[in-house]
Amino acid sequence: MKNKPLLWVLWYEMPSYGAVIIGELALTYDITVFTTTSEFNFIYSLPENVTLLRDSDKIPQEKPILLISCAPFTKYLRSIRRHAQLNNFPIIDMADNNNNESQVKVFLKRIKSLFQHRINHLMVPGASGEKLAKRLGVKHVYTGMYASAPKLTVDEKNQLLNSKRKNQIVFVGQLTERKNILLLCKSFIEVDNSDWELLIIGDGPLRDALPKHHKIRYLGFLQRDEILEILSYSKVFALPSVKEHWGVVVLEAAASGCTLLISDTVGSGEDLCDESNSFRFAPASQHSLEVSLKKIFSTKDSFFQNACEVSILKSQEFTPQRFVDSVMEVVKIYK
């Protein structure tokens, strides 16, 4: 079998959505992944033409056509990046900051590092990150960093559209101050919610601080398949974060057909939300969140049916092929 062009992927603690993207890349390229992840409990097993190297492994001698770099936080990963720079390998970096003012200073430091390393190709999740990168002078910006929504068949889409959805608001995430879970609980209790439930999926330091209420169910940590099943028959997904770079879980909720209830600091809102499928609010304002909840509780089923279709349609702009397309754009430059 003829070898495919070789990519190197540097990905600290590679997540499951990263494995999905790499699986799609492997259809076109041979891939060497440099990571610190010791166990790969991914939904999809990686193809045979993907090689995994960890901190104890040496630097390969072959030359890739491109290095995709995400978070070189260890000495070994930094050595891989330096090796690529010294040998003039093309590099595309990845960063998930968004255009929210609170993140500009953080991203300025990141951009300064990129310029120091003479890198001018940057992959970001979506529109908000693209605006910030261009605002700060990055020459070549590509979108699709978190493009991991499944490409739905007609039958799969119809199954989601025809799902008998429950009056449930589902939160998925760490139970931390940043995720703003206590404000969501407090607001939900304050608003008349007799026909609705709030489901909380996840764990964290605020677990014992969650209020006890007959309409709030704490489900703890669940596997991804279990989460997606719950989202597939729930009307609303909520993410009230004080800060959120983009939010892969919002993409998964949209791909499951949920109406989105997210704060206006969540980076993916610009890509996945509009008035026909979402409710937005200020994360520091309980009143703002309560207004959104009241609208949800008084909304007719026809809205949620339409929102389901809109959410799915928007999510299909972020399948793994979008990531592959962005990579191919960079590869063409260096041919």
C-alpha atoms as a PDB file:
ATOM      1  CA  MET A   1       0.000   0.000   0.000  1.00  0.00           C
ATOM      2  CA  LYS A   2       1.358   3.415  -0.965  1.00  0.00           C
ATOM      3  CA  ASN A   3       2.188   5.632   1.985  1.00  0.00           C
ATOM      4  CA  LYS A   4       0.085   8.742   2.465  1.00  0.00           C
ATOM      5  CA  PRO A   5       1.568  12.191   3.187  1.00  0.00           C
ATOM      6  CA  LEU A   6       2.679  12.422   6.828  1.00  0.00           C
ATOM      7  CA  LEU A   7       1.236  14.795   9.420  1.00  0.00           C
ATOM      8  CA  TRP A   8       2.528  15.334  12.942  1.00  0.00           C
ATOM      9  CA  VAL A   9      -0.045  16.240  15.585  1.00  0.00           C
ATOM     10  CA  LEU A  10       1.123  17.623  18.928  1.00  0.00           C
ATOM     11  CA  TRP A  11      -1.817  17.443  21.358  1.00  0.00           C
ATOM     12  CA  TYR A  12      -1.399  17.624  25.128  1.00  0.00           C
ATOM     13  CA  GLU A  13      -3.894  15.293  26.866  1.00  0.00           C
ATOM     14  CA  MET A  14      -5.698  14.573  23.597  1.00  0.00           C
ATOM     15  CA  PRO A  15      -9.469  14.442  24.211  1.00  0.00           C
ATOM     16  CA  SER A  16     -11.990  12.078  22.662  1.00  0.00           C
ATOM     17  CA  TYR A  17     -13.179  14.677  20.135  1.00  0.00           C
ATOM     18  CA  GLY A  18      -9.530  14.970  19.059  1.00  0.00           C
ATOM     19  CA  ALA A  19      -9.486  11.269  18.281  1.00  0.00           C
ATOM     20  CA  VAL A  20     -12.590  11.707  16.116  1.00  0.00           C
ATOM     21  CA  ILE A  21     -10.854  14.485  14.155  1.00  0.00           C
ATOM     22  CA  ILE A  22      -7.638  12.486  13.806  1.00  0.00           C
ATOM     23  CA  GLY A  23      -9.626   9.517  12.544  1.00  0.00           C
ATOM     24  CA  GLU A  24     -10.999  11.744   9.777  1.00  0.00           C
ATOM     25  CA  LEU A  25      -7.524  13.116   8.961  1.00  0.00           C
ATOM     26  CA  ALA A  26      -6.202   9.550   8.706  1.00  0.00           C
ATOM     27  CA  LEU A  27      -8.358   8.958   5.633  1.00  0.00           C
ATOM     28  CA  THR A  28      -6.028  11.331   3.760  1.00  0.00           C
ATOM     29  CA  TYR A  29      -2.785  11.343   5.761  1.00  0.00           C
ATOM     30  CA  ASP A  30      -0.507   9.089   7.787  1.00  0.00           C
ATOM     31  CA  ILE A  31      -0.319  10.618  11.260  1.00  0.00           C
ATOM     32  CA  THR A  32       2.082  10.626  14.184  1.00  0.00           C
ATOM     33  CA  VAL A  33       0.470  11.918  17.382  1.00  0.00           C
ATOM     34  CA  PHE A  34       2.651  13.273  20.186  1.00  0.00           C
ATOM     35  CA  THR A  35       0.684  13.376  23.441  1.00  0.00           C
ATOM     36  CA  THR A  36       0.851  12.900  27.191  1.00  0.00           C
ATOM     37  CA  THR A  37      -2.354  10.865  27.315  1.00  0.00           C
ATOM     38  CA  SER A  38      -1.629   7.404  28.699  1.00  0.00           C
ATOM     39  CA  GLU A  39      -5.000   5.798  28.023  1.00  0.00           C
ATOM     40  CA  PHE A  40      -7.205   6.193  24.985  1.00  0.00           C
ATOM     41  CA  ASN A  41     -10.813   5.442  25.913  1.00  0.00           C
ATOM     42  CA  PHE A  42     -12.201   6.882  22.715  1.00  0.00           C
ATOM     43  CA  ILE A  43     -15.517   6.214  21.082  1.00  0.00           C
ATOM     44  CA  TYR A  44     -13.723   5.341  17.860  1.00  0.00           C
ATOM     45  CA  SER A  45     -10.522   3.290  17.758  1.00  0.00           C
ATOM     46  CA  LEU A  46      -7.699   5.012  15.906  1.00  0.00           C
ATOM     47  CA  PRO A  47      -6.796   3.689  12.442  1.00  0.00           C
ATOM     48  CA  GLU A  48      -3.655   1.625  11.804  1.00  0.00           C
ATOM     49  CA  ASN A  49      -1.903   4.508  10.057  1.00  0.00           C
ATOM     50  CA  VAL A  50      -1.948   6.598  13.261  1.00  0.00           C
ATOM     51  CA  THR A  51       1.146   6.239  15.475  1.00  0.00           C
ATOM     52  CA  LEU A  52       1.016   7.379  19.112  1.00  0.00           C
ATOM     53  CA  LEU A  53       4.192   8.668  20.789  1.00  0.00           C
ATOM     54  CA  ARG A  54       4.387   9.795  24.405  1.00  0.00           C
ATOM     55  CA  ASP A  55       6.906  11.591  26.619  1.00  0.00           C
ATOM     56  CA  SER A  56       9.328   8.670  26.774  1.00  0.00           C
ATOM     57  CA  ASP A  57       9.591   8.284  22.992  1.00  0.00           C
ATOM     58  CA  LYS A  58      12.335   9.739  20.822  1.00  0.00           C
ATOM     59  CA  ILE A  59      11.821  12.259  18.022  1.00  0.00           C
ATOM     60  CA  PRO A  60      11.210  10.481  14.688  1.00  0.00           C
ATOM     61  CA  GLN A  61      13.552  11.195  11.804  1.00  0.00           C
ATOM     62  CA  GLU A  62      10.946  11.415   9.035  1.00  0.00           C
ATOM     63  CA  LYS A  63       9.788  14.811   7.779  1.00  0.00           C
ATOM     64  CA  PRO A  64       6.080  15.663   7.951  1.00  0.00           C
ATOM     65  CA  ILE A  65       4.344  17.984   5.520  1.00  0.00           C
ATOM     66  CA  LEU A  66       2.758  19.806   8.480  1.00  0.00           C
ATOM     67  CA  LEU A  67       2.813  19.941  12.290  1.00  0.00           C
ATOM     68  CA  ILE A  68      -0.534  20.635  13.984  1.00  0.00           C
ATOM     69  CA  SER A  69       0.304  22.000  17.429  1.00  0.00           C
ATOM     70  CA  CYS A  70      -1.987  22.243  20.456  1.00  0.00           C
ATOM     71  CA  ALA A  71      -0.733  23.143  23.945  1.00  0.00           C
ATOM     72  CA  PRO A  72       2.936  22.040  24.122  1.00  0.00           C
ATOM     73  CA  PHE A  73       2.921  22.066  27.930  1.00  0.00           C
ATOM     74  CA  THR A  74       5.616  19.459  28.647  1.00  0.00           C
ATOM     75  CA  LYS A  75       9.355  19.391  28.012  1.00  0.00           C
ATOM     76  CA  TYR A  76       8.950  16.548  25.507  1.00  0.00           C
ATOM     77  CA  LEU A  77       6.205  18.298  23.532  1.00  0.00           C
ATOM     78  CA  ARG A  78       8.193  21.540  23.470  1.00  0.00           C
ATOM     79  CA  SER A  79      11.192  19.615  22.131  1.00  0.00           C
ATOM     80  CA  ILE A  80       9.045  18.293  19.273  1.00  0.00           C
ATOM     81  CA  ARG A  81       7.960  21.811  18.432  1.00  0.00           C
ATOM     82  CA  ARG A  82      11.519  23.152  18.554  1.00  0.00           C
ATOM     83  CA  HIS A  83      12.651  20.302  16.296  1.00  0.00           C
ATOM     84  CA  ALA A  84       9.942  21.240  13.795  1.00  0.00           C
ATOM     85  CA  GLN A  85      10.942  24.902  13.886  1.00  0.00           C
ATOM     86  CA  LEU A  86      14.647  24.203  13.460  1.00  0.00           C
ATOM     87  CA  ASN A  87      13.896  21.996  10.464  1.00  0.00           C
ATOM     88  CA  ASN A  88      11.466  24.517   8.942  1.00  0.00           C
ATOM     89  CA  PHE A  89       8.446  22.234   9.083  1.00  0.00           C
ATOM     90  CA  PRO A  90       5.192  24.103   8.355  1.00  0.00           C
ATOM     91  CA  ILE A  91       3.201  24.568  11.583  1.00  0.00           C
ATOM     92  CA  ILE A  92      -0.405  25.442  12.305  1.00  0.00           C
ATOM     93  CA  ASP A  93      -1.148  26.299  15.912  1.00  0.00           C
ATOM     94  CA  MET A  94      -4.486  25.879  17.691  1.00  0.00           C
ATOM     95  CA  ALA A  95      -6.057  28.238  20.244  1.00  0.00           C
ATOM     96  CA  ASP A  96      -9.626  28.396  21.546  1.00  0.00           C
ATOM     97  CA  ASN A  97      -9.886  31.897  23.030  1.00  0.00           C
ATOM     98  CA  ASN A  98     -12.824  34.002  21.844  1.00  0.00           C
ATOM     99  CA  ASN A  99     -13.447  37.686  21.165  1.00  0.00           C
ATOM    100  CA  ASN A 100     -14.837  38.403  24.638  1.00  0.00           C
ATOM    101  CA  GLU A 101     -12.920  41.316  26.151  1.00  0.00           C
ATOM    102  CA  SER A 102     -12.030  39.334  29.283  1.00  0.00           C
ATOM    103  CA  GLN A 103      -9.969  36.945  27.185  1.00  0.00           C
ATOM    104  CA  VAL A 104      -8.012  39.447  25.091  1.00  0.00           C
ATOM    105  CA  LYS A 105      -5.134  39.775  27.576  1.00  0.00           C
ATOM    106  CA  VAL A 106      -4.833  35.996  27.835  1.00  0.00           C
ATOM    107  CA  PHE A 107      -4.758  35.633  24.080  1.00  0.00           C
ATOM    108  CA  LEU A 108      -2.273  38.510  23.641  1.00  0.00           C
ATOM    109  CA  LYS A 109       0.279  36.462  25.561  1.00  0.00           C
ATOM    110  CA  ARG A 110      -0.485  33.458  23.350  1.00  0.00           C
ATOM    111  CA  ILE A 111      -0.152  35.491  20.138  1.00  0.00           C
ATOM    112  CA  LYS A 112       3.140  36.968  21.326  1.00  0.00           C
ATOM    113  CA  SER A 113       4.456  33.437  21.721  1.00  0.00           C
ATOM    114  CA  LEU A 114       3.281  32.544  18.208  1.00  0.00           C
ATOM    115  CA  PHE A 115       5.067  35.512  16.668  1.00  0.00           C
ATOM    116  CA  GLN A 116       8.241  34.688  18.607  1.00  0.00           C
ATOM    117  CA  HIS A 117       8.180  31.277  16.949  1.00  0.00           C
ATOM    118  CA  ARG A 118       7.517  32.786  13.491  1.00  0.00           C
ATOM    119  CA  ILE A 119       4.144  31.064  13.200  1.00  0.00           C
ATOM    120  CA  ASN A 120       1.387  32.782  11.276  1.00  0.00           C
ATOM    121  CA  HIS A 121      -1.134  29.970  10.787  1.00  0.00           C
ATOM    122  CA  LEU A 122      -3.744  29.608  13.518  1.00  0.00           C
ATOM    123  CA  MET A 123      -6.707  27.235  13.867  1.00  0.00           C
ATOM    124  CA  VAL A 124      -9.591  28.475  16.050  1.00  0.00           C
ATOM    125  CA  PRO A 125     -13.024  26.973  16.811  1.00  0.00           C
ATOM    126  CA  GLY A 126     -15.290  29.475  15.091  1.00  0.00           C
ATOM    127  CA  ALA A 127     -16.282  33.047  14.291  1.00  0.00           C
ATOM    128  CA  SER A 128     -15.476  34.632  17.664  1.00  0.00           C
ATOM    129  CA  GLY A 129     -11.951  33.214  17.754  1.00  0.00           C
ATOM    130  CA  GLU A 130     -11.435  34.226  14.136  1.00  0.00           C
ATOM    131  CA  LYS A 131     -12.395  37.823  14.937  1.00  0.00           C
ATOM    132  CA  LEU A 132     -10.006  37.950  17.878  1.00  0.00           C
ATOM    133  CA  ALA A 133      -7.090  36.445  15.924  1.00  0.00           C
ATOM    134  CA  LYS A 134      -7.546  38.876  13.045  1.00  0.00           C
ATOM    135  CA  ARG A 135      -7.993  41.731  15.481  1.00  0.00           C
ATOM    136  CA  LEU A 136      -4.577  40.878  16.912  1.00  0.00           C
ATOM    137  CA  GLY A 137      -2.859  40.605  13.559  1.00  0.00           C
ATOM    138  CA  VAL A 138      -2.655  36.888  12.774  1.00  0.00           C
ATOM    139  CA  LYS A 139      -2.220  36.573   9.006  1.00  0.00           C
ATOM    140  CA  HIS A 140      -3.803  33.189   8.299  1.00  0.00           C
ATOM    141  CA  VAL A 141      -6.753  32.064  10.441  1.00  0.00           C
ATOM    142  CA  TYR A 142      -8.729  28.850   9.944  1.00  0.00           C
ATOM    143  CA  THR A 143     -11.846  27.584  11.712  1.00  0.00           C
ATOM    144  CA  GLY A 144     -12.934  24.122  12.806  1.00  0.00           C
ATOM    145  CA  MET A 145     -10.688  23.351  15.803  1.00  0.00           C
ATOM    146  CA  TYR A 146     -13.565  21.643  17.637  1.00  0.00           C
ATOM    147  CA  ALA A 147     -15.310  20.331  14.535  1.00  0.00           C
ATOM    148  CA  SER A 148     -16.380  17.009  16.000  1.00  0.00           C
ATOM    149  CA  ALA A 149     -20.150  16.896  15.493  1.00  0.00           C
ATOM    150  CA  PRO A 150     -21.148  13.626  13.793  1.00  0.00           C
ATOM    151  CA  LYS A 151     -22.189  13.818  10.165  1.00  0.00           C
ATOM    152  CA  LEU A 152     -25.807  12.715  10.434  1.00  0.00           C
ATOM    153  CA  THR A 153     -27.533  10.430   7.986  1.00  0.00           C
ATOM    154  CA  VAL A 154     -31.074  11.285   6.890  1.00  0.00           C
ATOM    155  CA  ASP A 155     -32.443   8.571   9.189  1.00  0.00           C
ATOM    156  CA  GLU A 156     -30.432   9.824  12.171  1.00  0.00           C
ATOM    157  CA  LYS A 157     -31.597  13.393  11.580  1.00  0.00           C
ATOM    158  CA  ASN A 158     -35.228  12.318  11.249  1.00  0.00           C
ATOM    159  CA  GLN A 159     -34.971  10.295  14.440  1.00  0.00           C
ATOM    160  CA  LEU A 160     -33.819  13.398  16.341  1.00  0.00           C
ATOM    161  CA  LEU A 161     -36.457  15.596  14.703  1.00  0.00           C
ATOM    162  CA  ASN A 162     -39.223  13.152  15.597  1.00  0.00           C
ATOM    163  CA  SER A 163     -38.011  12.531  19.144  1.00  0.00           C
ATOM    164  CA  LYS A 164     -40.633  12.930  21.869  1.00  0.00           C
ATOM    165  CA  ARG A 165     -38.729  15.521  23.867  1.00  0.00           C
ATOM    166  CA  LYS A 166     -39.254  16.014  27.580  1.00  0.00           C
ATOM    167  CA  ASN A 167     -39.570  19.289  29.456  1.00  0.00           C
ATOM    168  CA  GLN A 168     -36.007  19.008  30.679  1.00  0.00           C
ATOM    169  CA  ILE A 169     -33.150  21.475  30.933  1.00  0.00           C
ATOM    170  CA  VAL A 170     -29.844  19.610  30.936  1.00  0.00           C
ATOM    171  CA  PHE A 171     -26.562  20.963  32.287  1.00  0.00           C
ATOM    172  CA  VAL A 172     -23.370  19.061  31.456  1.00  0.00           C
ATOM    173  CA  GLY A 173     -20.041  20.126  32.929  1.00  0.00           C
ATOM    174  CA  GLN A 174     -17.830  20.534  35.940  1.00  0.00           C
ATOM    175  CA  LEU A 175     -19.551  21.789  39.057  1.00  0.00           C
ATOM    176  CA  THR A 176     -17.371  24.859  39.517  1.00  0.00           C
ATOM    177  CA  GLU A 177     -17.740  28.603  40.006  1.00  0.00           C
ATOM    178  CA  ARG A 178     -16.719  29.216  36.378  1.00  0.00           C
ATOM    179  CA  LYS A 179     -19.547  27.038  35.094  1.00  0.00           C
ATOM    180  CA  ASN A 180     -22.009  29.084  37.189  1.00  0.00           C
ATOM    181  CA  ILE A 181     -24.083  26.049  38.136  1.00  0.00           C
ATOM    182  CA  LEU A 182     -25.384  27.536  41.398  1.00  0.00           C
ATOM    183  CA  LEU A 183     -26.886  30.527  39.575  1.00  0.00           C
ATOM    184  CA  LEU A 184     -28.681  28.157  37.212  1.00  0.00           C
ATOM    185  CA  CYS A 185     -30.116  26.176  40.131  1.00  0.00           C
ATOM    186  CA  LYS A 186     -31.159  29.279  42.052  1.00  0.00           C
ATOM    187  CA  SER A 187     -32.819  30.849  39.014  1.00  0.00           C
ATOM    188  CA  PHE A 188     -34.620  27.624  38.147  1.00  0.00           C
ATOM    189  CA  ILE A 189     -36.069  27.396  41.662  1.00  0.00           C
ATOM    190  CA  GLU A 190     -37.151  31.044  41.676  1.00  0.00           C
ATOM    191  CA  VAL A 191     -39.141  30.739  38.426  1.00  0.00           C
ATOM    192  CA  ASP A 192     -42.397  28.778  38.240  1.00  0.00           C
ATOM    193  CA  ASN A 193     -41.188  25.456  36.838  1.00  0.00           C
ATOM    194  CA  SER A 194     -43.945  22.996  37.748  1.00  0.00           C
ATOM    195  CA  ASP A 195     -43.840  21.308  34.323  1.00  0.00           C
ATOM    196  CA  TRP A 196     -40.055  21.227  33.938  1.00  0.00           C
ATOM    197  CA  GLU A 197     -37.031  19.458  35.434  1.00  0.00           C
ATOM    198  CA  LEU A 198     -33.383  20.494  35.677  1.00  0.00           C
ATOM    199  CA  LEU A 199     -30.911  17.628  35.147  1.00  0.00           C
ATOM    200  CA  ILE A 200     -27.320  18.164  36.290  1.00  0.00           C
ATOM    201  CA  ILE A 201     -24.635  15.925  34.796  1.00  0.00           C
ATOM    202  CA  GLY A 202     -21.064  16.204  36.043  1.00  0.00           C
ATOM    203  CA  ASP A 203     -19.017  16.448  39.207  1.00  0.00           C
ATOM    204  CA  GLY A 204     -16.817  18.957  40.978  1.00  0.00           C
ATOM    205  CA  PRO A 205     -16.155  20.977  44.124  1.00  0.00           C
ATOM    206  CA  LEU A 206     -19.665  22.494  44.231  1.00  0.00           C
ATOM    207  CA  ARG A 207     -21.445  19.142  44.261  1.00  0.00           C
ATOM    208  CA  ASP A 208     -22.369  19.348  47.955  1.00  0.00           C
ATOM    209  CA  ALA A 209     -23.521  22.958  47.501  1.00  0.00           C
ATOM    210  CA  LEU A 210     -26.229  22.029  44.985  1.00  0.00           C
ATOM    211  CA  PRO A 211     -29.660  22.859  46.397  1.00  0.00           C
ATOM    212  CA  LYS A 212     -32.080  20.052  47.197  1.00  0.00           C
ATOM    213  CA  HIS A 213     -35.243  20.466  45.150  1.00  0.00           C
ATOM    214  CA  HIS A 214     -37.839  18.009  43.891  1.00  0.00           C
ATOM    215  CA  LYS A 215     -37.461  19.343  40.319  1.00  0.00           C
ATOM    216  CA  ILE A 216     -33.652  19.208  40.256  1.00  0.00           C
ATOM    217  CA  ARG A 217     -31.992  15.851  39.595  1.00  0.00           C
ATOM    218  CA  TYR A 218     -28.271  15.351  40.081  1.00  0.00           C
ATOM    219  CA  LEU A 219     -27.051  12.491  37.877  1.00  0.00           C
ATOM    220  CA  GLY A 220     -23.325  12.741  38.595  1.00  0.00           C
ATOM    221  CA  PHE A 221     -20.682  11.713  36.084  1.00  0.00           C
ATOM    222  CA  LEU A 222     -21.954   9.890  32.990  1.00  0.00           C
ATOM    223  CA  GLN A 223     -20.266   8.439  29.921  1.00  0.00           C
ATOM    224  CA  ARG A 224     -20.531  10.370  26.653  1.00  0.00           C
ATOM    225  CA  ASP A 225     -22.981   7.892  25.106  1.00  0.00           C
ATOM    226  CA  GLU A 226     -25.276   8.223  28.128  1.00  0.00           C
ATOM    227  CA  ILE A 227     -25.129  12.027  27.914  1.00  0.00           C
ATOM    228  CA  LEU A 228     -25.950  12.061  24.203  1.00  0.00           C
ATOM    229  CA  GLU A 229     -28.931   9.770  24.800  1.00  0.00           C
ATOM    230  CA  ILE A 230     -30.332  12.152  27.431  1.00  0.00           C
ATOM    231  CA  LEU A 231     -29.758  15.171  25.173  1.00  0.00           C
ATOM    232  CA  SER A 232     -31.565  13.418  22.313  1.00  0.00           C
ATOM    233  CA  TYR A 233     -34.879  13.482  24.195  1.00  0.00           C
ATOM    234  CA  SER A 234     -34.472  16.745  26.151  1.00  0.00           C
ATOM    235  CA  LYS A 235     -35.772  20.081  24.956  1.00  0.00           C
ATOM    236  CA  VAL A 236     -33.097  22.403  26.361  1.00  0.00           C
ATOM    237  CA  PHE A 237     -29.376  22.349  27.061  1.00  0.00           C
ATOM    238  CA  ALA A 238     -27.954  24.963  29.463  1.00  0.00           C
ATOM    239  CA  LEU A 239     -24.437  26.345  29.884  1.00  0.00           C
ATOM    240  CA  PRO A 240     -24.414  29.434  32.140  1.00  0.00           C
ATOM    241  CA  SER A 241     -20.602  29.800  32.288  1.00  0.00           C
ATOM    242  CA  VAL A 242     -18.997  32.997  33.522  1.00  0.00           C
ATOM    243  CA  LYS A 243     -16.214  32.322  30.997  1.00  0.00           C
ATOM    244  CA  GLU A 244     -16.171  29.713  28.225  1.00  0.00           C
ATOM    245  CA  HIS A 245     -13.737  29.764  25.306  1.00  0.00           C
ATOM    246  CA  TRP A 246     -16.036  27.882  22.933  1.00  0.00           C
ATOM    247  CA  GLY A 247     -17.665  24.838  24.518  1.00  0.00           C
ATOM    248  CA  VAL A 248     -17.553  21.500  22.700  1.00  0.00           C
ATOM    249  CA  VAL A 249     -20.505  20.336  24.775  1.00  0.00           C
ATOM    250  CA  VAL A 250     -22.647  23.076  23.208  1.00  0.00           C
ATOM    251  CA  LEU A 251     -21.839  21.631  19.778  1.00  0.00           C
ATOM    252  CA  GLU A 252     -22.836  18.151  20.953  1.00  0.00           C
ATOM    253  CA  ALA A 253     -26.086  19.508  22.384  1.00  0.00           C
ATOM    254  CA  ALA A 254     -26.865  21.299  19.129  1.00  0.00           C
ATOM    255  CA  ALA A 255     -26.092  18.135  17.165  1.00  0.00           C
ATOM    256  CA  SER A 256     -28.575  16.356  19.446  1.00  0.00           C
ATOM    257  CA  GLY A 257     -31.295  18.844  18.491  1.00  0.00           C
ATOM    258  CA  CYS A 258     -31.515  20.787  21.755  1.00  0.00           C
ATOM    259  CA  THR A 259     -32.637  24.360  22.171  1.00  0.00           C
ATOM    260  CA  LEU A 260     -29.650  26.219  23.657  1.00  0.00           C
ATOM    261  CA  LEU A 261     -29.744  28.271  26.869  1.00  0.00           C
ATOM    262  CA  ILE A 262     -26.240  29.712  27.182  1.00  0.00           C
ATOM    263  CA  SER A 263     -24.580  32.793  28.609  1.00  0.00           C
ATOM    264  CA  ASP A 264     -23.351  35.498  26.269  1.00  0.00           C
ATOM    265  CA  THR A 265     -19.704  34.757  27.154  1.00  0.00           C
ATOM    266  CA  VAL A 266     -19.793  31.268  25.582  1.00  0.00           C
ATOM    267  CA  GLY A 267     -17.686  31.457  22.422  1.00  0.00           C
ATOM    268  CA  SER A 268     -19.748  29.027  20.364  1.00  0.00           C
ATOM    269  CA  GLY A 269     -22.848  31.185  20.681  1.00  0.00           C
ATOM    270  CA  GLU A 270     -21.872  33.169  17.606  1.00  0.00           C
ATOM    271  CA  ASP A 271     -21.682  29.973  15.544  1.00  0.00           C
ATOM    272  CA  LEU A 272     -24.517  27.870  16.955  1.00  0.00           C
ATOM    273  CA  CYS A 273     -27.158  30.304  18.217  1.00  0.00           C
ATOM    274  CA  ASP A 274     -29.744  32.669  16.846  1.00  0.00           C
ATOM    275  CA  GLU A 275     -33.221  33.729  17.975  1.00  0.00           C
ATOM    276  CA  SER A 276     -34.824  30.662  16.401  1.00  0.00           C
ATOM    277  CA  ASN A 277     -32.957  28.066  18.494  1.00  0.00           C
ATOM    278  CA  SER A 278     -31.577  29.723  21.609  1.00  0.00           C
ATOM    279  CA  PHE A 279     -31.947  31.964  24.626  1.00  0.00           C
ATOM    280  CA  ARG A 280     -28.951  34.069  25.746  1.00  0.00           C
ATOM    281  CA  PHE A 281     -28.367  35.863  29.030  1.00  0.00           C
ATOM    282  CA  ALA A 282     -25.747  37.760  31.027  1.00  0.00           C
ATOM    283  CA  PRO A 283     -23.937  35.299  33.346  1.00  0.00           C
ATOM    284  CA  ALA A 284     -23.607  37.834  36.179  1.00  0.00           C
ATOM    285  CA  SER A 285     -27.341  38.594  36.227  1.00  0.00           C
ATOM    286  CA  GLN A 286     -29.818  36.274  37.904  1.00  0.00           C
ATOM    287  CA  HIS A 287     -32.607  38.463  36.548  1.00  0.00           C
ATOM    288  CA  SER A 288     -31.360  37.990  32.980  1.00  0.00           C
ATOM    289  CA  LEU A 289     -31.295  34.218  33.384  1.00  0.00           C
ATOM    290  CA  GLU A 290     -34.730  34.162  35.022  1.00  0.00           C
ATOM    291  CA  VAL A 291     -36.184  36.137  32.111  1.00  0.00           C
ATOM    292  CA  SER A 292     -34.810  33.508  29.706  1.00  0.00           C
ATOM    293  CA  LEU A 293     -36.221  30.681  31.821  1.00  0.00           C
ATOM    294  CA  LYS A 294     -39.665  32.293  31.907  1.00  0.00           C
ATOM    295  CA  LYS A 295     -39.599  32.516  28.115  1.00  0.00           C
ATOM    296  CA  ILE A 296     -38.652  28.847  27.858  1.00  0.00           C
ATOM    297  CA  PHE A 297     -41.392  27.717  30.260  1.00  0.00           C
ATOM    298  CA  SER A 298     -44.039  29.650  28.313  1.00  0.00           C
ATOM    299  CA  THR A 299     -42.845  28.674  24.829  1.00  0.00           C
ATOM    300  CA  LYS A 300     -45.001  26.434  22.633  1.00  0.00           C
ATOM    301  CA  ASP A 301     -43.807  23.042  21.411  1.00  0.00           C
ATOM    302  CA  SER A 302     -43.696  24.315  17.828  1.00  0.00           C
ATOM    303  CA  PHE A 303     -40.739  26.535  18.752  1.00  0.00           C
ATOM    304  CA  PHE A 304     -38.748  23.605  20.157  1.00  0.00           C
ATOM    305  CA  GLN A 305     -39.535  21.533  17.077  1.00  0.00           C
ATOM    306  CA  ASN A 306     -38.182  24.237  14.800  1.00  0.00           C
ATOM    307  CA  ALA A 307     -35.244  24.922  17.127  1.00  0.00           C
ATOM    308  CA  CYS A 308     -34.308  21.237  16.942  1.00  0.00           C
ATOM    309  CA  GLU A 309     -33.912  21.471  13.173  1.00  0.00           C
ATOM    310  CA  VAL A 310     -32.006  24.770  13.358  1.00  0.00           C
ATOM    311  CA  SER A 311     -29.583  23.434  15.991  1.00  0.00           C
ATOM    312  CA  ILE A 312     -28.869  20.296  13.977  1.00  0.00           C
ATOM    313  CA  LEU A 313     -28.347  22.340  10.802  1.00  0.00           C
ATOM    314  CA  LYS A 314     -25.874  24.672  12.517  1.00  0.00           C
ATOM    315  CA  SER A 315     -23.979  21.770  14.103  1.00  0.00           C
ATOM    316  CA  GLN A 316     -23.445  20.175  10.707  1.00  0.00           C
ATOM    317  CA  GLU A 317     -21.153  23.074   9.840  1.00  0.00           C
ATOM    318  CA  PHE A 318     -18.707  21.642  12.399  1.00  0.00           C
ATOM    319  CA  THR A 319     -18.132  18.035  11.347  1.00  0.00           C
ATOM    320  CA  PRO A 320     -14.556  16.620  11.303  1.00  0.00           C
ATOM    321  CA  GLN A 321     -14.351  17.326   7.566  1.00  0.00           C
ATOM    322  CA  ARG A 322     -14.192  21.055   8.361  1.00  0.00           C
ATOM    323  CA  PHE A 323     -10.994  20.471  10.339  1.00  0.00           C
ATOM    324  CA  VAL A 324      -9.568  18.429   7.459  1.00  0.00           C
ATOM    325  CA  ASP A 325     -10.444  21.182   4.983  1.00  0.00           C
ATOM    326  CA  SER A 326      -8.601  23.771   7.086  1.00  0.00           C
ATOM    327  CA  VAL A 327      -5.531  21.542   7.283  1.00  0.00           C
ATOM    328  CA  MET A 328      -5.600  21.026   3.520  1.00  0.00           C
ATOM    329  CA  GLU A 329      -5.635  24.798   2.985  1.00  0.00           C
ATOM    330  CA  VAL A 330      -2.351  25.109   4.889  1.00  0.00           C
ATOM    331  CA  VAL A 331      -0.801  22.109   3.152  1.00  0.00           C
ATOM    332  CA  LYS A 332      -1.536  23.662  -0.267  1.00  0.00           C
ATOM    333  CA  ILE A 333       0.439  26.785   0.680  1.00  0.00           C
ATOM    334  CA  TYR A 334       3.617  24.750   1.204  1.00  0.00           C
ATOM    335  CA  LYS A 335       3.349  22.413  -1.787  1.00  0.00           C
END
